[in-house]
């Protein structure tokens, strides 16, 4: 039999079983163990006689019958530990993310570029510019919004989130050297060639 992409429905059960029985770092357990209160016994473990299966076969029948009930009584505790593990994992991921974030500090009067998003039909396709501007920041709010004006003095009717802005940097040729300066230190002019 030749395997093709049309056989996905036959493989779906195996994929779901693998997903439910594999260890998740975010919860510190397998989804199967959180639902049923015990780890799954794989068919390979029965065939190859794993240590866990061998230990379960050497206990008495009464103890073997009681063990699922004992595991179910510990299930709530296991779920609480998993919830604590999720919170600790999320704090760790938040710290790692915030380490790499560079805050953008804008002031009134800064020249900025605004990101172009959305469906803009442009004949240049993927080579179209992704930023527009420069614009001048007219006013800032504490919530992270900026009111912009263009260089002609026309004001935007709606505020823009500062996440969609970046400082406008300009290159100036001075005696054969290229200097990149921030827009807030010099007035707007075209680069000297």
N, C-alpha and C. Protein backbone atom coordinates (compact mmCIF):
# COMPACT_ATOMS: atom_id res chain seq x y z
N UNK A 1 0.83 -1.18 0.00
CA UNK A 1 0.00 0.00 0.00
C UNK A 1 0.88 1.25 0.00
N UNK A 2 0.56 2.21 -0.84
CA UNK A 2 1.31 3.44 -0.94
C UNK A 2 0.66 4.48 -0.04
N UNK A 3 1.49 5.15 0.78
CA UNK A 3 0.97 6.18 1.68
C UNK A 3 0.91 7.50 0.95
N UNK A 4 -0.23 8.15 1.01
CA UNK A 4 -0.39 9.46 0.38
C UNK A 4 -0.97 10.42 1.40
N UNK A 5 -1.10 11.67 0.99
CA UNK A 5 -1.66 12.67 1.89
C UNK A 5 -3.14 12.43 2.15
N UNK A 6 -3.76 11.59 1.38
CA UNK A 6 -5.18 11.30 1.59
C UNK A 6 -5.41 10.32 2.75
N UNK A 7 -4.34 9.72 3.27
CA UNK A 7 -4.46 8.78 4.37
C UNK A 7 -4.46 9.46 5.74
N UNK A 8 -4.58 10.80 5.77
CA UNK A 8 -4.45 11.52 7.02
C UNK A 8 -5.52 11.10 8.03
N UNK A 9 -6.71 10.73 7.56
CA UNK A 9 -7.77 10.38 8.50
C UNK A 9 -7.46 9.08 9.23
N UNK A 10 -6.70 8.19 8.58
CA UNK A 10 -6.31 6.94 9.24
C UNK A 10 -5.20 7.17 10.27
N UNK A 11 -4.39 8.19 10.04
CA UNK A 11 -3.26 8.48 10.93
C UNK A 11 -3.65 9.44 12.06
N UNK A 12 -4.84 10.03 11.99
CA UNK A 12 -5.25 11.03 12.98
C UNK A 12 -5.31 10.46 14.39
N UNK A 13 -5.84 9.26 14.55
CA UNK A 13 -5.94 8.66 15.88
C UNK A 13 -4.57 8.45 16.50
N UNK A 14 -3.59 8.02 15.69
CA UNK A 14 -2.23 7.82 16.20
C UNK A 14 -1.60 9.15 16.60
N UNK A 15 -1.84 10.18 15.80
CA UNK A 15 -1.29 11.50 16.12
C UNK A 15 -1.90 12.05 17.40
N UNK A 16 -3.21 11.92 17.57
CA UNK A 16 -3.86 12.40 18.79
C UNK A 16 -3.41 11.62 20.01
N UNK A 17 -3.25 10.32 19.85
CA UNK A 17 -2.78 9.49 20.97
C UNK A 17 -1.37 9.90 21.38
N UNK A 18 -0.51 10.14 20.40
CA UNK A 18 0.86 10.58 20.70
C UNK A 18 0.85 11.95 21.38
N UNK A 19 -0.01 12.84 20.93
CA UNK A 19 -0.09 14.16 21.53
C UNK A 19 -0.56 14.08 22.98
N UNK A 20 -1.56 13.24 23.24
CA UNK A 20 -2.12 13.16 24.59
C UNK A 20 -1.22 12.44 25.57
N UNK A 21 -0.32 11.60 25.08
CA UNK A 21 0.52 10.81 25.98
C UNK A 21 1.95 11.32 26.06
N UNK A 22 2.28 12.40 25.37
CA UNK A 22 3.65 12.92 25.46
C UNK A 22 3.71 14.02 26.52
N UNK A 23 4.86 14.17 27.12
CA UNK A 23 5.09 15.10 28.23
C UNK A 23 5.04 16.53 27.71
N UNK A 24 4.36 17.42 28.44
CA UNK A 24 4.29 18.84 28.10
C UNK A 24 5.08 19.64 29.13
N UNK A 25 6.02 20.44 28.65
CA UNK A 25 6.81 21.27 29.55
C UNK A 25 5.96 22.30 30.25
N UNK A 26 4.98 22.85 29.55
CA UNK A 26 4.18 23.93 30.14
C UNK A 26 3.35 23.47 31.33
N UNK A 27 2.88 22.22 31.34
CA UNK A 27 2.07 21.75 32.46
C UNK A 27 2.82 20.78 33.35
N UNK A 28 3.99 20.33 32.92
CA UNK A 28 4.80 19.44 33.74
C UNK A 28 4.26 18.03 33.83
N UNK A 29 3.41 17.63 32.91
CA UNK A 29 2.81 16.29 32.91
C UNK A 29 2.27 16.00 31.51
N UNK A 30 1.67 14.84 31.37
CA UNK A 30 1.01 14.52 30.10
C UNK A 30 -0.47 14.85 30.22
N UNK A 31 -1.12 15.27 29.15
CA UNK A 31 -2.57 15.51 29.23
C UNK A 31 -3.35 14.27 29.66
N UNK A 32 -2.90 13.09 29.26
CA UNK A 32 -3.56 11.84 29.64
C UNK A 32 -3.56 11.67 31.15
N UNK A 33 -2.41 11.96 31.79
CA UNK A 33 -2.33 11.76 33.24
C UNK A 33 -3.20 12.75 34.00
N UNK A 34 -3.40 13.95 33.46
CA UNK A 34 -4.26 14.92 34.13
C UNK A 34 -5.74 14.54 34.02
N UNK A 35 -6.10 13.83 32.96
CA UNK A 35 -7.49 13.43 32.79
C UNK A 35 -7.79 12.15 33.56
N UNK A 36 -6.92 11.14 33.41
CA UNK A 36 -7.21 9.81 33.98
C UNK A 36 -6.50 9.53 35.29
N UNK A 37 -5.57 10.40 35.71
CA UNK A 37 -4.93 10.23 37.00
C UNK A 37 -3.76 9.27 37.02
N UNK A 38 -3.37 8.72 35.90
CA UNK A 38 -2.22 7.80 35.84
C UNK A 38 -1.58 7.91 34.47
N UNK A 39 -0.36 7.48 34.41
CA UNK A 39 0.34 7.49 33.11
C UNK A 39 -0.18 6.33 32.27
N UNK A 40 -0.14 6.52 30.98
CA UNK A 40 -0.60 5.50 30.05
C UNK A 40 0.42 4.36 30.00
N UNK A 41 -0.07 3.15 29.85
CA UNK A 41 0.81 2.00 29.66
C UNK A 41 0.87 1.75 28.16
N UNK A 42 2.03 1.94 27.61
CA UNK A 42 2.22 1.79 26.17
C UNK A 42 2.22 0.32 25.79
N UNK A 43 1.75 -0.03 24.60
CA UNK A 43 1.80 -1.43 24.17
C UNK A 43 3.22 -2.00 24.17
N UNK A 44 4.20 -1.17 23.92
CA UNK A 44 5.60 -1.62 23.92
C UNK A 44 6.00 -2.06 25.32
N UNK A 45 5.51 -1.39 26.36
CA UNK A 45 5.85 -1.73 27.73
C UNK A 45 5.31 -3.11 28.10
N UNK A 46 4.16 -3.46 27.60
CA UNK A 46 3.58 -4.78 27.90
C UNK A 46 4.36 -5.87 27.17
N UNK A 47 4.69 -5.60 25.92
CA UNK A 47 5.41 -6.59 25.11
C UNK A 47 6.84 -6.77 25.57
N UNK A 48 7.52 -5.67 25.94
CA UNK A 48 8.93 -5.73 26.32
C UNK A 48 9.13 -5.90 27.82
N UNK A 49 8.07 -5.97 28.59
CA UNK A 49 8.12 -6.18 30.03
C UNK A 49 8.93 -5.07 30.72
N UNK A 50 8.37 -3.86 30.74
CA UNK A 50 9.05 -2.74 31.40
C UNK A 50 8.99 -2.93 32.92
N UNK A 51 9.80 -2.13 33.62
CA UNK A 51 9.88 -2.23 35.08
C UNK A 51 8.53 -1.89 35.72
N UNK A 52 7.85 -0.90 35.21
CA UNK A 52 6.56 -0.50 35.78
C UNK A 52 5.54 -1.64 35.67
N UNK A 53 5.46 -2.26 34.51
CA UNK A 53 4.50 -3.36 34.32
C UNK A 53 4.89 -4.56 35.19
N UNK A 54 6.19 -4.85 35.29
CA UNK A 54 6.64 -5.97 36.11
C UNK A 54 6.32 -5.73 37.58
N UNK A 55 6.49 -4.51 38.07
CA UNK A 55 6.18 -4.20 39.47
C UNK A 55 4.69 -4.33 39.74
N UNK A 56 3.85 -3.92 38.78
CA UNK A 56 2.41 -4.03 38.97
C UNK A 56 1.94 -5.48 38.97
N UNK A 57 2.66 -6.37 38.30
CA UNK A 57 2.25 -7.77 38.24
C UNK A 57 2.62 -8.52 39.53
N UNK A 58 3.54 -7.96 40.33
CA UNK A 58 3.95 -8.64 41.56
C UNK A 58 3.17 -8.18 42.78
N UNK A 59 2.19 -7.32 42.61
CA UNK A 59 1.38 -6.92 43.76
C UNK A 59 0.14 -7.82 43.82
N UNK A 60 -0.46 -7.86 45.00
CA UNK A 60 -1.63 -8.71 45.17
C UNK A 60 -2.82 -8.14 44.38
N UNK A 61 -3.82 -8.99 44.16
CA UNK A 61 -4.98 -8.57 43.36
C UNK A 61 -5.77 -7.46 44.05
N UNK A 62 -5.86 -7.49 45.37
CA UNK A 62 -6.58 -6.46 46.11
C UNK A 62 -5.87 -5.11 46.00
N UNK A 63 -4.54 -5.13 46.12
CA UNK A 63 -3.78 -3.90 45.97
C UNK A 63 -3.87 -3.37 44.55
N UNK A 64 -3.85 -4.29 43.59
CA UNK A 64 -3.94 -3.88 42.19
C UNK A 64 -5.30 -3.24 41.90
N UNK A 65 -6.37 -3.77 42.49
CA UNK A 65 -7.71 -3.21 42.29
C UNK A 65 -7.85 -1.87 43.00
N UNK A 66 -7.16 -1.69 44.13
CA UNK A 66 -7.24 -0.44 44.90
C UNK A 66 -6.38 0.67 44.29
N UNK A 67 -5.33 0.36 43.55
CA UNK A 67 -4.39 1.38 43.05
C UNK A 67 -5.04 2.42 42.13
N UNK A 68 -5.97 2.07 41.23
CA UNK A 68 -6.60 3.14 40.43
C UNK A 68 -7.39 4.14 41.28
N UNK A 69 -8.04 3.63 42.36
CA UNK A 69 -8.79 4.53 43.24
C UNK A 69 -7.85 5.45 44.01
N UNK A 70 -6.71 4.93 44.42
CA UNK A 70 -5.71 5.76 45.10
C UNK A 70 -5.20 6.85 44.16
N UNK A 71 -4.95 6.46 42.91
CA UNK A 71 -4.45 7.44 41.94
C UNK A 71 -5.51 8.49 41.63
N UNK A 72 -6.78 8.10 41.60
CA UNK A 72 -7.85 9.07 41.35
C UNK A 72 -7.99 10.05 42.51
N UNK A 73 -7.76 9.57 43.73
CA UNK A 73 -7.86 10.49 44.87
C UNK A 73 -6.72 11.51 44.86
N UNK A 74 -5.61 11.17 44.24
CA UNK A 74 -4.49 12.10 44.14
C UNK A 74 -4.58 12.97 42.88
N UNK A 75 -5.60 12.74 42.06
CA UNK A 75 -5.71 13.45 40.79
C UNK A 75 -5.89 14.95 40.98
N UNK A 76 -6.72 15.36 41.95
CA UNK A 76 -6.92 16.80 42.18
C UNK A 76 -5.61 17.48 42.57
N UNK A 77 -4.85 16.81 43.42
CA UNK A 77 -3.55 17.36 43.82
C UNK A 77 -2.62 17.48 42.62
N UNK A 78 -2.65 16.48 41.76
CA UNK A 78 -1.81 16.50 40.56
C UNK A 78 -2.22 17.63 39.62
N UNK A 79 -3.52 17.86 39.49
CA UNK A 79 -4.01 18.95 38.64
C UNK A 79 -3.63 20.31 39.23
N UNK A 80 -3.67 20.46 40.56
CA UNK A 80 -3.26 21.71 41.18
C UNK A 80 -1.77 21.96 40.97
N UNK A 81 -0.96 20.89 41.08
CA UNK A 81 0.47 21.04 40.81
C UNK A 81 0.71 21.44 39.36
N UNK A 82 -0.08 20.88 38.44
CA UNK A 82 0.05 21.24 37.03
C UNK A 82 -0.33 22.71 36.81
N UNK A 83 -1.37 23.19 37.49
CA UNK A 83 -1.76 24.60 37.37
C UNK A 83 -0.66 25.51 37.91
N UNK A 84 -0.04 25.14 39.05
CA UNK A 84 1.09 25.91 39.57
C UNK A 84 2.26 25.90 38.60
N UNK A 85 2.49 24.75 37.98
CA UNK A 85 3.58 24.62 37.02
C UNK A 85 3.32 25.52 35.81
N UNK A 86 2.08 25.60 35.36
CA UNK A 86 1.72 26.47 34.23
C UNK A 86 2.00 27.93 34.58
N UNK A 87 1.62 28.35 35.78
CA UNK A 87 1.87 29.73 36.18
C UNK A 87 3.36 30.04 36.27
N UNK A 88 4.14 29.11 36.81
CA UNK A 88 5.58 29.33 36.89
C UNK A 88 6.20 29.36 35.50
N UNK A 89 5.72 28.50 34.62
CA UNK A 89 6.22 28.47 33.24
C UNK A 89 5.89 29.77 32.52
N UNK A 90 4.67 30.29 32.73
CA UNK A 90 4.29 31.55 32.09
C UNK A 90 5.12 32.72 32.62
N UNK A 91 5.41 32.73 33.93
CA UNK A 91 6.27 33.78 34.49
C UNK A 91 7.65 33.72 33.88
N UNK A 92 8.17 32.51 33.71
CA UNK A 92 9.50 32.32 33.13
C UNK A 92 9.52 32.82 31.68
N UNK A 93 8.48 32.48 30.91
CA UNK A 93 8.42 32.92 29.52
C UNK A 93 8.24 34.43 29.43
N UNK A 94 7.49 35.02 30.34
CA UNK A 94 7.30 36.48 30.36
C UNK A 94 8.62 37.17 30.64
N UNK A 95 9.38 36.66 31.62
CA UNK A 95 10.69 37.24 31.93
C UNK A 95 11.62 37.15 30.73
N UNK A 96 11.63 36.00 30.06
CA UNK A 96 12.50 35.83 28.89
C UNK A 96 12.09 36.78 27.77
N UNK A 97 10.80 36.98 27.58
CA UNK A 97 10.33 37.90 26.54
C UNK A 97 10.69 39.33 26.87
N UNK A 98 10.45 39.73 28.12
CA UNK A 98 10.69 41.12 28.50
C UNK A 98 12.17 41.48 28.50
N UNK A 99 13.04 40.48 28.62
CA UNK A 99 14.47 40.74 28.55
C UNK A 99 14.86 41.28 27.18
N UNK A 100 14.19 40.78 26.14
CA UNK A 100 14.55 41.16 24.78
C UNK A 100 13.79 42.37 24.26
N UNK A 101 12.79 42.84 24.99
CA UNK A 101 11.99 43.96 24.53
C UNK A 101 12.74 45.26 24.78
N UNK A 102 12.83 46.08 23.75
CA UNK A 102 13.45 47.39 23.89
C UNK A 102 12.33 48.43 23.93
N UNK A 103 12.19 49.13 25.04
CA UNK A 103 11.11 50.12 25.12
C UNK A 103 11.36 51.26 24.14
N UNK A 104 10.28 51.74 23.52
CA UNK A 104 10.36 52.86 22.60
C UNK A 104 9.92 54.11 23.35
N UNK A 105 10.85 55.04 23.45
CA UNK A 105 10.53 56.28 24.16
C UNK A 105 10.43 57.40 23.14
N UNK A 106 9.27 57.98 23.09
CA UNK A 106 9.03 59.09 22.18
C UNK A 106 8.75 60.35 22.97
N UNK A 107 9.04 61.48 22.34
CA UNK A 107 8.75 62.77 22.95
C UNK A 107 7.95 63.61 21.96
N UNK A 108 7.31 64.61 22.48
CA UNK A 108 6.58 65.53 21.62
C UNK A 108 7.58 66.21 20.68
N UNK A 109 7.26 66.23 19.39
CA UNK A 109 8.14 66.86 18.40
C UNK A 109 9.07 65.90 17.67
N UNK A 110 9.13 64.62 18.09
CA UNK A 110 9.97 63.64 17.40
C UNK A 110 9.43 63.34 16.01
N UNK A 111 10.34 63.08 15.10
CA UNK A 111 9.95 62.61 13.77
C UNK A 111 9.90 61.10 13.81
N UNK A 112 8.79 60.52 13.32
CA UNK A 112 8.60 59.07 13.38
C UNK A 112 8.09 58.57 12.03
N UNK A 113 8.24 57.26 11.83
CA UNK A 113 7.66 56.56 10.70
C UNK A 113 6.52 55.71 11.21
N UNK A 114 5.48 55.54 10.39
CA UNK A 114 4.30 54.75 10.76
C UNK A 114 4.27 53.51 9.88
N UNK A 115 3.97 52.36 10.49
CA UNK A 115 3.94 51.10 9.75
C UNK A 115 2.73 51.10 8.81
N UNK A 116 2.93 50.53 7.62
CA UNK A 116 1.83 50.36 6.66
C UNK A 116 1.33 48.94 6.78
N UNK A 117 0.10 48.78 7.22
CA UNK A 117 -0.47 47.44 7.36
C UNK A 117 -1.75 47.37 6.57
N UNK A 118 -2.23 46.15 6.40
CA UNK A 118 -3.50 45.96 5.73
C UNK A 118 -3.32 45.61 4.26
N UNK A 119 -4.43 45.48 3.60
CA UNK A 119 -4.42 45.10 2.20
C UNK A 119 -4.32 46.35 1.34
N UNK A 120 -3.12 46.65 0.94
CA UNK A 120 -2.89 47.81 0.08
C UNK A 120 -2.49 47.27 -1.29
N UNK A 121 -3.29 47.57 -2.30
CA UNK A 121 -2.95 47.08 -3.63
C UNK A 121 -1.85 47.98 -4.19
N UNK A 122 -0.70 47.42 -4.35
CA UNK A 122 0.46 48.15 -4.84
C UNK A 122 1.08 47.30 -5.95
N UNK A 123 1.36 47.90 -7.11
CA UNK A 123 1.94 47.10 -8.20
C UNK A 123 3.33 46.57 -7.89
N UNK A 124 3.99 47.12 -6.86
CA UNK A 124 5.33 46.65 -6.50
C UNK A 124 5.30 45.36 -5.69
N UNK A 125 4.12 44.93 -5.24
CA UNK A 125 3.98 43.67 -4.51
C UNK A 125 4.76 43.67 -3.21
N UNK A 126 5.60 42.66 -3.04
CA UNK A 126 6.34 42.56 -1.78
C UNK A 126 7.46 43.60 -1.66
N UNK A 127 7.73 44.33 -2.72
CA UNK A 127 8.76 45.36 -2.69
C UNK A 127 8.19 46.74 -2.33
N UNK A 128 6.92 46.79 -1.98
CA UNK A 128 6.33 48.06 -1.60
C UNK A 128 6.90 48.48 -0.25
N UNK A 129 6.93 49.79 0.04
CA UNK A 129 7.47 50.23 1.33
C UNK A 129 6.58 49.76 2.48
N UNK A 130 7.21 49.46 3.60
CA UNK A 130 6.45 48.99 4.76
C UNK A 130 6.27 50.09 5.80
N UNK A 131 6.89 51.26 5.60
CA UNK A 131 6.76 52.38 6.53
C UNK A 131 6.40 53.63 5.74
N UNK A 132 5.61 54.50 6.33
CA UNK A 132 5.28 55.77 5.70
C UNK A 132 5.69 56.91 6.62
N UNK A 133 5.95 58.05 6.04
CA UNK A 133 6.30 59.19 6.86
C UNK A 133 7.44 59.97 6.25
N UNK A 134 8.07 60.82 6.96
CA UNK A 134 8.03 61.01 8.40
C UNK A 134 6.85 61.87 8.85
N UNK A 135 6.48 61.67 10.12
CA UNK A 135 5.43 62.43 10.76
C UNK A 135 5.99 63.02 12.05
N UNK A 136 5.35 64.05 12.54
CA UNK A 136 5.76 64.69 13.78
C UNK A 136 4.77 64.30 14.87
N UNK A 137 5.30 63.94 16.04
CA UNK A 137 4.42 63.62 17.18
C UNK A 137 3.92 64.93 17.76
N UNK A 138 2.60 65.11 17.71
CA UNK A 138 1.96 66.32 18.23
C UNK A 138 1.68 66.18 19.71
N UNK A 139 1.21 64.98 20.13
CA UNK A 139 0.84 64.77 21.53
C UNK A 139 0.95 63.29 21.85
N UNK A 140 1.26 62.97 23.10
CA UNK A 140 1.35 61.58 23.57
C UNK A 140 0.41 61.38 24.75
N UNK A 141 -0.15 60.18 24.86
CA UNK A 141 -0.97 59.84 26.02
C UNK A 141 -0.23 58.82 26.87
N UNK A 142 -0.61 58.68 28.12
CA UNK A 142 0.02 57.69 29.00
C UNK A 142 -0.32 56.27 28.60
N UNK A 143 -1.43 56.09 27.90
CA UNK A 143 -1.86 54.74 27.51
C UNK A 143 -1.07 54.20 26.33
N UNK A 144 -0.23 55.02 25.68
CA UNK A 144 0.58 54.53 24.57
C UNK A 144 0.06 54.93 23.21
N UNK A 145 -0.68 56.02 23.12
CA UNK A 145 -1.17 56.51 21.84
C UNK A 145 -0.48 57.82 21.51
N UNK A 146 -0.31 58.06 20.21
CA UNK A 146 0.35 59.29 19.76
C UNK A 146 -0.53 59.97 18.71
N UNK A 147 -0.66 61.27 18.83
CA UNK A 147 -1.36 62.07 17.83
C UNK A 147 -0.29 62.61 16.89
N UNK A 148 -0.47 62.39 15.59
CA UNK A 148 0.55 62.75 14.61
C UNK A 148 0.08 63.87 13.70
N UNK A 149 1.05 64.58 13.15
CA UNK A 149 0.82 65.53 12.06
C UNK A 149 1.86 65.25 11.00
N UNK A 150 1.51 65.51 9.74
CA UNK A 150 2.52 65.34 8.70
C UNK A 150 3.36 66.61 8.63
N UNK A 151 4.34 66.64 7.75
CA UNK A 151 5.26 67.77 7.71
C UNK A 151 4.60 69.04 7.17
N UNK A 152 3.45 68.91 6.52
CA UNK A 152 2.72 70.08 6.03
C UNK A 152 1.84 70.68 7.11
N UNK A 153 1.74 70.04 8.26
CA UNK A 153 0.94 70.54 9.37
C UNK A 153 -0.46 69.94 9.44
N UNK A 154 -0.81 69.03 8.52
CA UNK A 154 -2.12 68.37 8.56
C UNK A 154 -2.15 67.35 9.70
N UNK A 155 -3.20 67.38 10.50
CA UNK A 155 -3.27 66.52 11.67
C UNK A 155 -4.07 65.26 11.36
N UNK A 156 -3.65 64.14 11.96
CA UNK A 156 -4.39 62.89 11.85
C UNK A 156 -5.65 63.00 12.69
N UNK A 157 -6.73 62.36 12.24
CA UNK A 157 -7.98 62.44 12.98
C UNK A 157 -8.05 61.43 14.12
N UNK A 158 -7.24 60.35 14.04
CA UNK A 158 -7.25 59.32 15.07
C UNK A 158 -5.83 59.14 15.63
N UNK A 159 -5.73 58.78 16.90
CA UNK A 159 -4.39 58.52 17.45
C UNK A 159 -3.84 57.20 16.92
N UNK A 160 -2.53 57.05 16.98
CA UNK A 160 -1.83 55.85 16.52
C UNK A 160 -1.14 55.23 17.73
N UNK A 161 -1.20 53.90 17.84
CA UNK A 161 -0.51 53.20 18.92
C UNK A 161 1.00 53.33 18.69
N UNK A 162 1.77 53.56 19.78
CA UNK A 162 3.21 53.75 19.62
C UNK A 162 3.91 52.47 19.18
N UNK A 163 3.25 51.31 19.30
CA UNK A 163 3.84 50.07 18.79
C UNK A 163 3.94 50.09 17.27
N UNK A 164 3.17 50.95 16.62
CA UNK A 164 3.19 51.03 15.17
C UNK A 164 4.11 52.14 14.67
N UNK A 165 4.92 52.71 15.56
CA UNK A 165 5.81 53.80 15.20
C UNK A 165 7.26 53.41 15.44
N UNK A 166 8.16 54.04 14.69
CA UNK A 166 9.59 53.94 14.99
C UNK A 166 10.22 55.27 14.68
N UNK A 167 11.33 55.56 15.37
CA UNK A 167 11.98 56.85 15.18
C UNK A 167 12.52 56.95 13.76
N UNK A 168 12.39 58.13 13.21
CA UNK A 168 12.91 58.40 11.87
C UNK A 168 14.37 58.81 12.01
N UNK A 169 15.25 58.02 11.38
CA UNK A 169 16.68 58.29 11.40
C UNK A 169 17.09 58.81 10.03
N UNK A 170 17.99 59.75 10.01
CA UNK A 170 18.39 60.39 8.77
C UNK A 170 19.90 60.27 8.60
N UNK A 171 20.33 60.04 7.37
CA UNK A 171 21.75 60.02 7.05
C UNK A 171 22.13 61.38 6.48
N UNK A 172 23.23 61.92 6.96
CA UNK A 172 23.72 63.20 6.45
C UNK A 172 25.17 63.02 6.04
N UNK A 173 25.50 63.47 4.85
CA UNK A 173 26.88 63.40 4.37
C UNK A 173 27.63 64.64 4.87
N UNK A 174 28.68 64.44 5.63
CA UNK A 174 29.50 65.54 6.11
C UNK A 174 30.95 65.22 5.78
N UNK A 175 31.54 65.95 4.83
CA UNK A 175 32.93 65.77 4.42
C UNK A 175 33.25 64.32 4.09
N UNK A 176 32.37 63.66 3.34
CA UNK A 176 32.62 62.29 2.91
C UNK A 176 32.21 61.23 3.91
N UNK A 177 31.78 61.62 5.09
CA UNK A 177 31.35 60.67 6.12
C UNK A 177 29.84 60.65 6.18
N UNK A 178 29.28 59.50 6.49
CA UNK A 178 27.84 59.39 6.66
C UNK A 178 27.55 59.36 8.15
N UNK A 179 26.75 60.29 8.60
CA UNK A 179 26.36 60.32 10.01
C UNK A 179 24.88 60.03 10.11
N UNK A 180 24.51 59.08 10.95
CA UNK A 180 23.11 58.77 11.18
C UNK A 180 22.71 59.46 12.47
N UNK A 181 21.75 60.34 12.39
CA UNK A 181 21.34 61.10 13.56
C UNK A 181 19.87 60.89 13.82
N UNK A 182 19.49 61.08 15.06
CA UNK A 182 18.09 60.97 15.43
C UNK A 182 17.35 62.19 14.93
N UNK A 183 16.10 62.01 14.62
CA UNK A 183 15.30 63.08 14.03
C UNK A 183 14.98 64.20 15.02
N UNK A 184 15.06 63.92 16.32
CA UNK A 184 14.65 64.94 17.29
C UNK A 184 15.71 66.01 17.48
N UNK A 185 16.93 65.80 16.96
CA UNK A 185 18.00 66.75 17.18
C UNK A 185 18.17 67.75 16.05
N UNK A 186 17.66 67.45 14.85
CA UNK A 186 17.85 68.35 13.72
C UNK A 186 16.53 68.55 13.01
N UNK A 187 16.37 69.69 12.34
CA UNK A 187 15.12 69.88 11.60
C UNK A 187 15.10 69.01 10.36
N UNK A 188 13.91 68.82 9.80
CA UNK A 188 13.75 67.98 8.63
C UNK A 188 14.40 68.64 7.42
N UNK A 189 15.23 67.89 6.72
CA UNK A 189 15.82 68.35 5.47
C UNK A 189 16.17 67.14 4.63
N UNK A 190 16.45 67.34 3.38
CA UNK A 190 16.83 66.21 2.52
C UNK A 190 18.30 65.92 2.72
N UNK A 191 18.71 64.68 2.57
CA UNK A 191 20.14 64.35 2.75
C UNK A 191 21.02 65.09 1.75
N UNK A 192 22.20 65.46 2.18
CA UNK A 192 23.16 66.18 1.33
C UNK A 192 23.96 65.13 0.57
N UNK A 193 24.09 65.29 -0.73
CA UNK A 193 24.87 64.34 -1.54
C UNK A 193 26.14 64.96 -2.04
